[in-house]
Amino acid sequence: GPIHAIGAGLQPAAWVAFMGGDAERWVDRAIDAR
Protein backbone atom coordinates (compact mmCIF):
# COMPACT_ATOMS: atom_id res chain seq x y z
CA GLY A 1 0.00 0.00 0.00
CA PRO A 2 -1.21 2.54 0.55
CA ILE A 3 -4.26 1.27 -1.35
CA HIS A 4 -6.77 3.57 -3.01
CA ALA A 5 -9.40 1.88 -5.18
CA ILE A 6 -12.76 2.70 -6.73
CA GLY A 7 -15.08 -0.18 -7.47
CA ALA A 8 -18.51 -1.33 -8.55
CA GLY A 9 -20.30 -4.59 -7.92
CA LEU A 10 -21.57 -5.96 -11.22
CA GLN A 11 -25.05 -7.40 -11.54
CA PRO A 12 -25.43 -10.61 -13.60
CA ALA A 13 -26.56 -8.83 -16.77
CA ALA A 14 -23.60 -6.45 -16.69
CA TRP A 15 -21.13 -9.27 -16.19
CA VAL A 16 -22.26 -11.19 -19.26
CA ALA A 17 -22.28 -7.99 -21.31
CA PHE A 18 -18.73 -7.18 -20.16
CA MET A 19 -17.27 -10.58 -20.91
CA GLY A 20 -19.49 -11.76 -23.78
CA GLY A 21 -19.92 -15.23 -22.35
CA ASP A 22 -20.97 -17.36 -19.42
CA ALA A 23 -19.97 -16.18 -15.95
CA GLU A 24 -18.98 -19.76 -15.09
CA ARG A 25 -15.88 -19.41 -17.30
CA TRP A 26 -14.51 -16.64 -15.09
CA VAL A 27 -15.36 -17.85 -11.59
CA ASP A 28 -12.43 -17.19 -9.24
CA ARG A 29 -10.37 -15.20 -11.72
CA ALA A 30 -9.21 -11.60 -12.08
CA ILE A 31 -8.76 -10.18 -15.59
CA ASP A 32 -6.82 -7.15 -16.78
CA ALA A 33 -9.55 -4.91 -18.21
CA ARG A 34 -7.20 -3.95 -21.04
Full PDB file with SEQRES, HELIX, SHEET, SSBOND, CRYST1, ORIGX, SCALE, CONECT and MASTER records, all heavy atoms in Angstrom:
SEQRES   1 A   34  GLY PRO ILE HIS ALA ILE GLY ALA GLY LEU GLN PRO ALA          
SEQRES   2 A   34  ALA TRP VAL ALA PHE MET GLY GLY ASP ALA GLU ARG TRP          
SEQRES   3 A   34  VAL ASP ARG ALA ILE ASP ALA ARG                              
HELIX    1 AA1 PRO A   12  MET A   19  1                                   8    
HELIX    2 AA2 ALA A   23  TRP A   26  5                                   4    
CRYST1    1.000    1.000    1.000  90.00  90.00  90.00 P 1           1          
ORIGX1      1.000000  0.000000  0.000000        0.00000                         
ORIGX2      0.000000  1.000000  0.000000        0.00000                         
ORIGX3      0.000000  0.000000  1.000000        0.00000                         
SCALE1      1.000000  0.000000  0.000000        0.00000                         
SCALE2      0.000000  1.000000  0.000000        0.00000                         
SCALE3      0.000000  0.000000  1.000000        0.00000                         
ATOM      1  N   GLY A   1       0.815  -1.198   0.000  1.00  0.00           N  
ATOM      2  CA  GLY A   1       0.000   0.000   0.000  1.00  0.00           C  
ATOM      3  C   GLY A   1       0.850   1.250   0.000  1.00  0.00           C  
ATOM      4  O   GLY A   1       2.058   1.174  -0.221  1.00  0.00           O  
ATOM      5  N   PRO A   2       0.215   2.360   0.271  1.00  0.00           N  
ATOM      6  CA  PRO A   2      -1.213   2.537   0.555  1.00  0.00           C  
ATOM      7  C   PRO A   2      -2.107   2.165  -0.644  1.00  0.00           C  
ATOM      8  O   PRO A   2      -1.700   2.323  -1.791  1.00  0.00           O  
ATOM      9  CB  PRO A   2      -1.342   4.020   0.872  1.00  0.00           C  
ATOM     10  CG  PRO A   2       0.045   4.474   1.219  1.00  0.00           C  
ATOM     11  CD  PRO A   2       0.948   3.634   0.397  1.00  0.00           C  
ATOM     12  N   ILE A   3      -3.295   1.671  -0.331  1.00  0.00           N  
ATOM     13  CA  ILE A   3      -4.260   1.266  -1.347  1.00  0.00           C  
ATOM     14  C   ILE A   3      -5.344   2.338  -1.488  1.00  0.00           C  
ATOM     15  O   ILE A   3      -5.881   2.824  -0.494  1.00  0.00           O  
ATOM     16  CB  ILE A   3      -4.938  -0.071  -0.972  1.00  0.00           C  
ATOM     17  CG1 ILE A   3      -3.897  -1.188  -0.811  1.00  0.00           C  
ATOM     18  CG2 ILE A   3      -5.996  -0.447  -2.004  1.00  0.00           C  
ATOM     19  CD1 ILE A   3      -3.242  -1.622  -2.088  1.00  0.00           C  
ATOM     20  N   HIS A   4      -5.627   2.701  -2.712  1.00  0.00           N  
ATOM     21  CA  HIS A   4      -6.769   3.569  -3.015  1.00  0.00           C  
ATOM     22  C   HIS A   4      -7.444   2.980  -4.248  1.00  0.00           C  
ATOM     23  O   HIS A   4      -6.835   2.882  -5.315  1.00  0.00           O  
ATOM     24  CB  HIS A   4      -6.323   5.000  -3.290  1.00  0.00           C  
ATOM     25  CG  HIS A   4      -7.445   5.929  -3.616  1.00  0.00           C  
ATOM     26  ND1 HIS A   4      -7.259   7.143  -4.256  1.00  0.00           N  
ATOM     27  CD2 HIS A   4      -8.803   5.839  -3.406  1.00  0.00           C  
ATOM     28  CE1 HIS A   4      -8.421   7.749  -4.405  1.00  0.00           C  
ATOM     29  NE2 HIS A   4      -9.377   6.976  -3.905  1.00  0.00           N  
ATOM     30  N   ALA A   5      -8.684   2.528  -4.082  1.00  0.00           N  
ATOM     31  CA  ALA A   5      -9.398   1.876  -5.182  1.00  0.00           C  
ATOM     32  C   ALA A   5     -10.834   2.356  -5.241  1.00  0.00           C  
ATOM     33  O   ALA A   5     -11.449   2.675  -4.221  1.00  0.00           O  
ATOM     34  CB  ALA A   5      -9.357   0.357  -5.021  1.00  0.00           C  
ATOM     35  N   ILE A   6     -11.352   2.402  -6.454  1.00  0.00           N  
ATOM     36  CA  ILE A   6     -12.759   2.704  -6.726  1.00  0.00           C  
ATOM     37  C   ILE A   6     -13.351   1.458  -7.361  1.00  0.00           C  
ATOM     38  O   ILE A   6     -12.735   0.857  -8.250  1.00  0.00           O  
ATOM     39  CB  ILE A   6     -12.918   3.878  -7.719  1.00  0.00           C  
ATOM     40  CG1 ILE A   6     -12.043   5.055  -7.304  1.00  0.00           C  
ATOM     41  CG2 ILE A   6     -14.378   4.292  -7.837  1.00  0.00           C  
ATOM     42  CD1 ILE A   6     -12.416   5.681  -6.012  1.00  0.00           C  
ATOM     43  N   GLY A   7     -14.533   1.041  -6.919  1.00  0.00           N  
ATOM     44  CA  GLY A   7     -15.085  -0.183  -7.475  1.00  0.00           C  
ATOM     45  C   GLY A   7     -16.586  -0.161  -7.617  1.00  0.00           C  
ATOM     46  O   GLY A   7     -17.283   0.703  -7.061  1.00  0.00           O  
ATOM     47  N   ALA A   8     -17.074  -1.137  -8.368  1.00  0.00           N  
ATOM     48  CA  ALA A   8     -18.511  -1.334  -8.552  1.00  0.00           C  
ATOM     49  C   ALA A   8     -18.789  -2.824  -8.551  1.00  0.00           C  
ATOM     50  O   ALA A   8     -18.068  -3.599  -9.191  1.00  0.00           O  
ATOM     51  CB  ALA A   8     -18.987  -0.717  -9.864  1.00  0.00           C  
ATOM     52  N   GLY A   9     -19.806  -3.221  -7.808  1.00  0.00           N  
ATOM     53  CA  GLY A   9     -20.298  -4.588  -7.920  1.00  0.00           C  
ATOM     54  C   GLY A   9     -21.109  -4.708  -9.196  1.00  0.00           C  
ATOM     55  O   GLY A   9     -21.919  -3.826  -9.505  1.00  0.00           O  
ATOM     56  N   LEU A  10     -20.878  -5.775  -9.943  1.00  0.00           N  
ATOM     57  CA  LEU A  10     -21.568  -5.963 -11.222  1.00  0.00           C  
ATOM     58  C   LEU A  10     -22.731  -6.935 -11.059  1.00  0.00           C  
ATOM     59  O   LEU A  10     -22.566  -8.044 -10.548  1.00  0.00           O  
ATOM     60  CB  LEU A  10     -20.599  -6.502 -12.276  1.00  0.00           C  
ATOM     61  CG  LEU A  10     -19.408  -5.611 -12.645  1.00  0.00           C  
ATOM     62  CD1 LEU A  10     -18.530  -6.311 -13.670  1.00  0.00           C  
ATOM     63  CD2 LEU A  10     -19.890  -4.269 -13.183  1.00  0.00           C  
ATOM     64  N   GLN A  11     -23.900  -6.514 -11.501  1.00  0.00           N  
ATOM     65  CA  GLN A  11     -25.052  -7.399 -11.539  1.00  0.00           C  
ATOM     66  C   GLN A  11     -24.880  -8.424 -12.668  1.00  0.00           C  
ATOM     67  O   GLN A  11     -24.067  -8.232 -13.579  1.00  0.00           O  
ATOM     68  CB  GLN A  11     -26.322  -6.584 -11.748  1.00  0.00           C  
ATOM     69  CG  GLN A  11     -26.608  -5.575 -10.647  1.00  0.00           C  
ATOM     70  CD  GLN A  11     -27.158  -6.207  -9.376  1.00  0.00           C  
ATOM     71  OE1 GLN A  11     -26.751  -7.294  -8.981  1.00  0.00           O  
ATOM     72  NE2 GLN A  11     -28.083  -5.525  -8.729  1.00  0.00           N  
ATOM     73  N   PRO A  12     -25.619  -9.535 -12.616  1.00  0.00           N  
ATOM     74  CA  PRO A  12     -25.426 -10.605 -13.603  1.00  0.00           C  
ATOM     75  C   PRO A  12     -25.485 -10.150 -15.052  1.00  0.00           C  
ATOM     76  O   PRO A  12     -24.671 -10.576 -15.878  1.00  0.00           O  
ATOM     77  CB  PRO A  12     -26.556 -11.584 -13.276  1.00  0.00           C  
ATOM     78  CG  PRO A  12     -26.790 -11.398 -11.812  1.00  0.00           C  
ATOM     79  CD  PRO A  12     -26.591  -9.933 -11.575  1.00  0.00           C  
ATOM     80  N   ALA A  13     -26.425  -9.273 -15.381  1.00  0.00           N  
ATOM     81  CA  ALA A  13     -26.556  -8.834 -16.772  1.00  0.00           C  
ATOM     82  C   ALA A  13     -25.329  -8.051 -17.223  1.00  0.00           C  
ATOM     83  O   ALA A  13     -24.872  -8.187 -18.366  1.00  0.00           O  
ATOM     84  CB  ALA A  13     -27.810  -7.982 -16.938  1.00  0.00           C  
ATOM     85  N   ALA A  14     -24.778  -7.232 -16.339  1.00  0.00           N  
ATOM     86  CA  ALA A  14     -23.598  -6.449 -16.692  1.00  0.00           C  
ATOM     87  C   ALA A  14     -22.392  -7.348 -16.895  1.00  0.00           C  
ATOM     88  O   ALA A  14     -21.575  -7.128 -17.791  1.00  0.00           O  
ATOM     89  CB  ALA A  14     -23.305  -5.423 -15.604  1.00  0.00           C  
ATOM     90  N   TRP A  15     -22.277  -8.372 -16.067  1.00  0.00           N  
ATOM     91  CA  TRP A  15     -21.135  -9.268 -16.192  1.00  0.00           C  
ATOM     92  C   TRP A  15     -21.102  -9.939 -17.553  1.00  0.00           C  
ATOM     93  O   TRP A  15     -20.072  -9.962 -18.229  1.00  0.00           O  
ATOM     94  CB  TRP A  15     -21.158 -10.311 -15.089  1.00  0.00           C  
ATOM     95  CG  TRP A  15     -20.129 -11.370 -15.330  1.00  0.00           C  
ATOM     96  CD1 TRP A  15     -20.339 -12.627 -15.819  1.00  0.00           C  
ATOM     97  CD2 TRP A  15     -18.720 -11.241 -15.172  1.00  0.00           C  
ATOM     98  NE1 TRP A  15     -19.146 -13.287 -15.951  1.00  0.00           N  
ATOM     99  CE2 TRP A  15     -18.139 -12.461 -15.567  1.00  0.00           C  
ATOM    100  CE3 TRP A  15     -17.889 -10.212 -14.734  1.00  0.00           C  
ATOM    101  CZ2 TRP A  15     -16.761 -12.684 -15.525  1.00  0.00           C  
ATOM    102  CZ3 TRP A  15     -16.526 -10.426 -14.684  1.00  0.00           C  
ATOM    103  CH2 TRP A  15     -15.972 -11.648 -15.084  1.00  0.00           C  
ATOM    104  N   VAL A  16     -22.224 -10.502 -17.970  1.00  0.00           N  
ATOM    105  CA  VAL A  16     -22.262 -11.194 -19.262  1.00  0.00           C  
ATOM    106  C   VAL A  16     -22.008 -10.211 -20.399  1.00  0.00           C  
ATOM    107  O   VAL A  16     -21.322 -10.526 -21.377  1.00  0.00           O  
ATOM    108  CB  VAL A  16     -23.601 -11.938 -19.440  1.00  0.00           C  
ATOM    109  CG1 VAL A  16     -23.719 -12.531 -20.832  1.00  0.00           C  
ATOM    110  CG2 VAL A  16     -23.716 -13.045 -18.399  1.00  0.00           C  
ATOM    111  N   ALA A  17     -22.517  -8.999 -20.287  1.00  0.00           N  
ATOM    112  CA  ALA A  17     -22.275  -7.985 -21.313  1.00  0.00           C  
ATOM    113  C   ALA A  17     -20.799  -7.606 -21.374  1.00  0.00           C  
ATOM    114  O   ALA A  17     -20.235  -7.416 -22.450  1.00  0.00           O  
ATOM    115  CB  ALA A  17     -23.129  -6.750 -21.027  1.00  0.00           C  
ATOM    116  N   PHE A  18     -20.161  -7.494 -20.211  1.00  0.00           N  
ATOM    117  CA  PHE A  18     -18.734  -7.179 -20.155  1.00  0.00           C  
ATOM    118  C   PHE A  18     -17.907  -8.250 -20.866  1.00  0.00           C  
ATOM    119  O   PHE A  18     -17.053  -7.950 -21.695  1.00  0.00           O  
ATOM    120  CB  PHE A  18     -18.284  -7.113 -18.689  1.00  0.00           C  
ATOM    121  CG  PHE A  18     -18.108  -5.719 -18.164  1.00  0.00           C  
ATOM    122  CD1 PHE A  18     -19.036  -4.729 -18.439  1.00  0.00           C  
ATOM    123  CD2 PHE A  18     -17.041  -5.407 -17.360  1.00  0.00           C  
ATOM    124  CE1 PHE A  18     -18.881  -3.460 -17.935  1.00  0.00           C  
ATOM    125  CE2 PHE A  18     -16.874  -4.142 -16.851  1.00  0.00           C  
ATOM    126  CZ  PHE A  18     -17.802  -3.156 -17.137  1.00  0.00           C  
ATOM    127  N   MET A  19     -18.162  -9.505 -20.511  1.00  0.00           N  
ATOM    128  CA  MET A  19     -17.269 -10.583 -20.913  1.00  0.00           C  
ATOM    129  C   MET A  19     -17.732 -11.335 -22.155  1.00  0.00           C  
ATOM    130  O   MET A  19     -16.976 -12.120 -22.729  1.00  0.00           O  
ATOM    131  CB  MET A  19     -17.096 -11.571 -19.756  1.00  0.00           C  
ATOM    132  CG  MET A  19     -16.608 -10.908 -18.478  1.00  0.00           C  
ATOM    133  SD  MET A  19     -15.094  -9.939 -18.706  1.00  0.00           S  
ATOM    134  CE  MET A  19     -13.936 -11.235 -19.098  1.00  0.00           C  
ATOM    135  N   GLY A  20     -18.999 -11.126 -22.561  1.00  0.00           N  
ATOM    136  CA  GLY A  20     -19.492 -11.758 -23.778  1.00  0.00           C  
ATOM    137  C   GLY A  20     -19.618 -13.257 -23.697  1.00  0.00           C  
ATOM    138  O   GLY A  20     -19.543 -13.962 -24.702  1.00  0.00           O  
ATOM    139  N   GLY A  21     -19.791 -13.781 -22.501  1.00  0.00           N  
ATOM    140  CA  GLY A  21     -19.918 -15.234 -22.350  1.00  0.00           C  
ATOM    141  C   GLY A  21     -20.372 -15.594 -20.956  1.00  0.00           C  
ATOM    142  O   GLY A  21     -20.651 -14.723 -20.117  1.00  0.00           O  
ATOM    143  N   ASP A  22     -20.458 -16.879 -20.699  1.00  0.00           N  
ATOM    144  CA  ASP A  22     -20.974 -17.357 -19.423  1.00  0.00           C  
ATOM    145  C   ASP A  22     -20.080 -16.940 -18.261  1.00  0.00           C  
ATOM    146  O   ASP A  22     -18.844 -17.014 -18.338  1.00  0.00           O  
ATOM    147  CB  ASP A  22     -21.076 -18.883 -19.439  1.00  0.00           C  
ATOM    148  CG  ASP A  22     -22.167 -19.374 -20.382  1.00  0.00           C  
ATOM    149  OD1 ASP A  22     -22.857 -18.526 -20.966  1.00  0.00           O  
ATOM    150  OD2 ASP A  22     -22.319 -20.598 -20.521  1.00  0.00           O  
ATOM    151  N   ALA A  23     -20.720 -16.553 -17.147  1.00  0.00           N  
ATOM    152  CA  ALA A  23     -19.973 -16.175 -15.952  1.00  0.00           C  
ATOM    153  C   ALA A  23     -19.177 -17.353 -15.401  1.00  0.00           C  
ATOM    154  O   ALA A  23     -18.138 -17.170 -14.772  1.00  0.00           O  
ATOM    155  CB  ALA A  23     -20.935 -15.641 -14.893  1.00  0.00           C  
ATOM    156  N   GLU A  24     -19.655 -18.578 -15.631  1.00  0.00           N  
ATOM    157  CA  GLU A  24     -18.976 -19.759 -15.095  1.00  0.00           C  
ATOM    158  C   GLU A  24     -17.522 -19.847 -15.561  1.00  0.00           C  
ATOM    159  O   GLU A  24     -16.658 -20.346 -14.845  1.00  0.00           O  
ATOM    160  CB  GLU A  24     -19.732 -21.021 -15.506  1.00  0.00           C  
ATOM    161  CG  GLU A  24     -19.171 -22.299 -14.912  1.00  0.00           C  
ATOM    162  CD  GLU A  24     -19.885 -23.541 -15.393  1.00  0.00           C  
ATOM    163  OE1 GLU A  24     -20.496 -23.492 -16.484  1.00  0.00           O  
ATOM    164  OE2 GLU A  24     -19.844 -24.561 -14.689  1.00  0.00           O  
ATOM    165  N   ARG A  25     -17.241 -19.347 -16.762  1.00  0.00           N  
ATOM    166  CA  ARG A  25     -15.878 -19.412 -17.303  1.00  0.00           C  
ATOM    167  C   ARG A  25     -14.903 -18.582 -16.494  1.00  0.00           C  
ATOM    168  O   ARG A  25     -13.688 -18.825 -16.543  1.00  0.00           O  
ATOM    169  CB  ARG A  25     -15.858 -18.906 -18.751  1.00  0.00           C  
ATOM    170  CG  ARG A  25     -16.582 -19.768 -19.756  1.00  0.00           C  
ATOM    171  CD  ARG A  25     -16.565 -19.103 -21.118  1.00  0.00           C  
ATOM    172  NE  ARG A  25     -15.224 -18.695 -21.510  1.00  0.00           N  
ATOM    173  CZ  ARG A  25     -14.974 -17.723 -22.385  1.00  0.00           C  
ATOM    174  NH1 ARG A  25     -15.969 -17.037 -22.927  1.00  0.00           N  
ATOM    175  NH2 ARG A  25     -13.725 -17.412 -22.707  1.00  0.00           N  
ATOM    176  N   TRP A  26     -15.390 -17.583 -15.757  1.00  0.00           N  
ATOM    177  CA  TRP A  26     -14.514 -16.639 -15.090  1.00  0.00           C  
ATOM    178  C   TRP A  26     -14.668 -16.664 -13.575  1.00  0.00           C  
ATOM    179  O   TRP A  26     -14.243 -15.735 -12.894  1.00  0.00           O  
ATOM    180  CB  TRP A  26     -14.777 -15.235 -15.620  1.00  0.00           C  
ATOM    181  CG  TRP A  26     -14.553 -15.121 -17.094  1.00  0.00           C  
ATOM    182  CD1 TRP A  26     -15.497 -15.107 -18.074  1.00  0.00           C  
ATOM    183  CD2 TRP A  26     -13.295 -15.045 -17.761  1.00  0.00           C  
ATOM    184  NE1 TRP A  26     -14.916 -15.013 -19.309  1.00  0.00           N  
ATOM    185  CE2 TRP A  26     -13.555 -14.976 -19.153  1.00  0.00           C  
ATOM    186  CE3 TRP A  26     -11.963 -15.014 -17.328  1.00  0.00           C  
ATOM    187  CZ2 TRP A  26     -12.544 -14.886 -20.098  1.00  0.00           C  
ATOM    188  CZ3 TRP A  26     -10.955 -14.922 -18.264  1.00  0.00           C  
ATOM    189  CH2 TRP A  26     -11.247 -14.858 -19.634  1.00  0.00           C  
ATOM    190  N   VAL A  27     -15.265 -17.729 -13.038  1.00  0.00           N  
ATOM    191  CA  VAL A  27     -15.357 -17.847 -11.587  1.00  0.00           C  
ATOM    192  C   VAL A  27     -13.945 -17.935 -11.002  1.00  0.00           C  
ATOM    193  O   VAL A  27     -13.076 -18.641 -11.518  1.00  0.00           O  
ATOM    194  CB  VAL A  27     -16.174 -19.100 -11.194  1.00  0.00           C  
ATOM    195  CG1 VAL A  27     -16.053 -19.387  -9.702  1.00  0.00           C  
ATOM    196  CG2 VAL A  27     -17.632 -18.927 -11.576  1.00  0.00           C  
ATOM    197  N   ASP A  28     -13.713 -17.170  -9.941  1.00  0.00           N  
ATOM    198  CA  ASP A  28     -12.429 -17.189  -9.236  1.00  0.00           C  
ATOM    199  C   ASP A  28     -11.263 -16.784 -10.129  1.00  0.00           C  
ATOM    200  O   ASP A  28     -10.186 -17.389 -10.096  1.00  0.00           O  
ATOM    201  CB  ASP A  28     -12.160 -18.575  -8.626  1.00  0.00           C  
ATOM    202  CG  ASP A  28     -13.130 -18.937  -7.517  1.00  0.00           C  
ATOM    203  OD1 ASP A  28     -13.699 -18.017  -6.912  1.00  0.00           O  
ATOM    204  OD2 ASP A  28     -13.315 -20.136  -7.262  1.00  0.00           O  
ATOM    205  N   ARG A  29     -11.459 -15.749 -10.906  1.00  0.00           N  
ATOM    206  CA  ARG A  29     -10.371 -15.204 -11.719  1.00  0.00           C  
ATOM    207  C   ARG A  29     -10.443 -13.678 -11.728  1.00  0.00           C  
ATOM    208  O   ARG A  29     -11.530 -13.094 -11.607  1.00  0.00           O  
ATOM    209  CB  ARG A  29     -10.435 -15.708 -13.177  1.00  0.00           C  
ATOM    210  CG  ARG A  29     -10.264 -17.193 -13.347  1.00  0.00           C  
ATOM    211  CD  ARG A  29      -8.982 -17.723 -12.709  1.00  0.00           C  
ATOM    212  NE  ARG A  29      -7.766 -17.091 -13.174  1.00  0.00           N  
ATOM    213  CZ  ARG A  29      -6.990 -17.565 -14.146  1.00  0.00           C  
ATOM    214  NH1 ARG A  29      -7.337 -18.676 -14.792  1.00  0.00           N  
ATOM    215  NH2 ARG A  29      -5.865 -16.955 -14.474  1.00  0.00           N  
ATOM    216  N   ALA A  30      -9.292 -13.046 -11.880  1.00  0.00           N  
ATOM    217  CA  ALA A  30      -9.207 -11.598 -12.084  1.00  0.00           C  
ATOM    218  C   ALA A  30      -8.596 -11.353 -13.455  1.00  0.00           C  
ATOM    219  O   ALA A  30      -7.633 -12.033 -13.844  1.00  0.00           O  
ATOM    220  CB  ALA A  30      -8.361 -10.949 -10.999  1.00  0.00           C  
ATOM    221  N   ILE A  31      -9.167 -10.419 -14.199  1.00  0.00           N  
ATOM    222  CA  ILE A  31      -8.758 -10.178 -15.587  1.00  0.00           C  
ATOM    223  C   ILE A  31      -8.336  -8.724 -15.737  1.00  0.00           C  
ATOM    224  O   ILE A  31      -9.009  -7.809 -15.237  1.00  0.00           O  
ATOM    225  CB  ILE A  31      -9.922 -10.482 -16.561  1.00  0.00           C  
ATOM    226  CG1 ILE A  31     -10.480 -11.883 -16.343  1.00  0.00           C  
ATOM    227  CG2 ILE A  31      -9.491 -10.299 -18.007  1.00  0.00           C  
ATOM    228  CD1 ILE A  31     -11.785 -11.901 -15.585  1.00  0.00           C  
ATOM    229  N   ASP A  32      -7.241  -8.507 -16.420  1.00  0.00           N  
ATOM    230  CA  ASP A  32      -6.816  -7.153 -16.778  1.00  0.00           C  
ATOM    231  C   ASP A  32      -7.846  -6.583 -17.750  1.00  0.00           C  
ATOM    232  O   ASP A  32      -8.077  -7.143 -18.824  1.00  0.00           O  
ATOM    233  CB  ASP A  32      -5.436  -7.213 -17.434  1.00  0.00           C  
ATOM    234  CG  ASP A  32      -4.839  -5.835 -17.715  1.00  0.00           C  
ATOM    235  OD1 ASP A  32      -5.598  -4.850 -17.760  1.00  0.00           O  
ATOM    236  OD2 ASP A  32      -3.613  -5.762 -17.901  1.00  0.00           O  
ATOM    237  N   ALA A  33      -8.490  -5.486 -17.380  1.00  0.00           N  
ATOM    238  CA  ALA A  33      -9.550  -4.913 -18.210  1.00  0.00           C  
ATOM    239  C   ALA A  33      -9.054  -4.486 -19.582  1.00  0.00           C  
ATOM    240  O   ALA A  33      -9.847  -4.347 -20.513  1.00  0.00           O  
ATOM    241  CB  ALA A  33     -10.201  -3.733 -17.494  1.00  0.00           C  
ATOM    242  N   ARG A  34      -7.753  -4.298 -19.727  1.00  0.00           N  
ATOM    243  CA  ARG A  34      -7.202  -3.950 -21.037  1.00  0.00           C  
ATOM    244  C   ARG A  34      -7.382  -5.092 -22.043  1.00  0.00           C  
ATOM    245  O   ARG A  34      -7.441  -4.848 -23.254  1.00  0.00           O  
ATOM    246  CB  ARG A  34      -5.730  -3.572 -20.913  1.00  0.00           C  
ATOM    247  CG  ARG A  34      -5.500  -2.201 -20.283  1.00  0.00           C  
ATOM    248  CD  ARG A  34      -4.046  -1.937 -19.985  1.00  0.00           C  
ATOM    249  NE  ARG A  34      -3.579  -2.753 -18.857  1.00  0.00           N  
ATOM    250  CZ  ARG A  34      -2.414  -2.565 -18.235  1.00  0.00           C  
ATOM    251  NH1 ARG A  34      -1.609  -1.587 -18.631  1.00  0.00           N  
ATOM    252  NH2 ARG A  34      -2.062  -3.326 -17.226  1.00  0.00           N  
TER     253      ARG A  34                                                      
MASTER        0    0    0    2    0    0    0    6  252    1    0    3          
END                                                                             
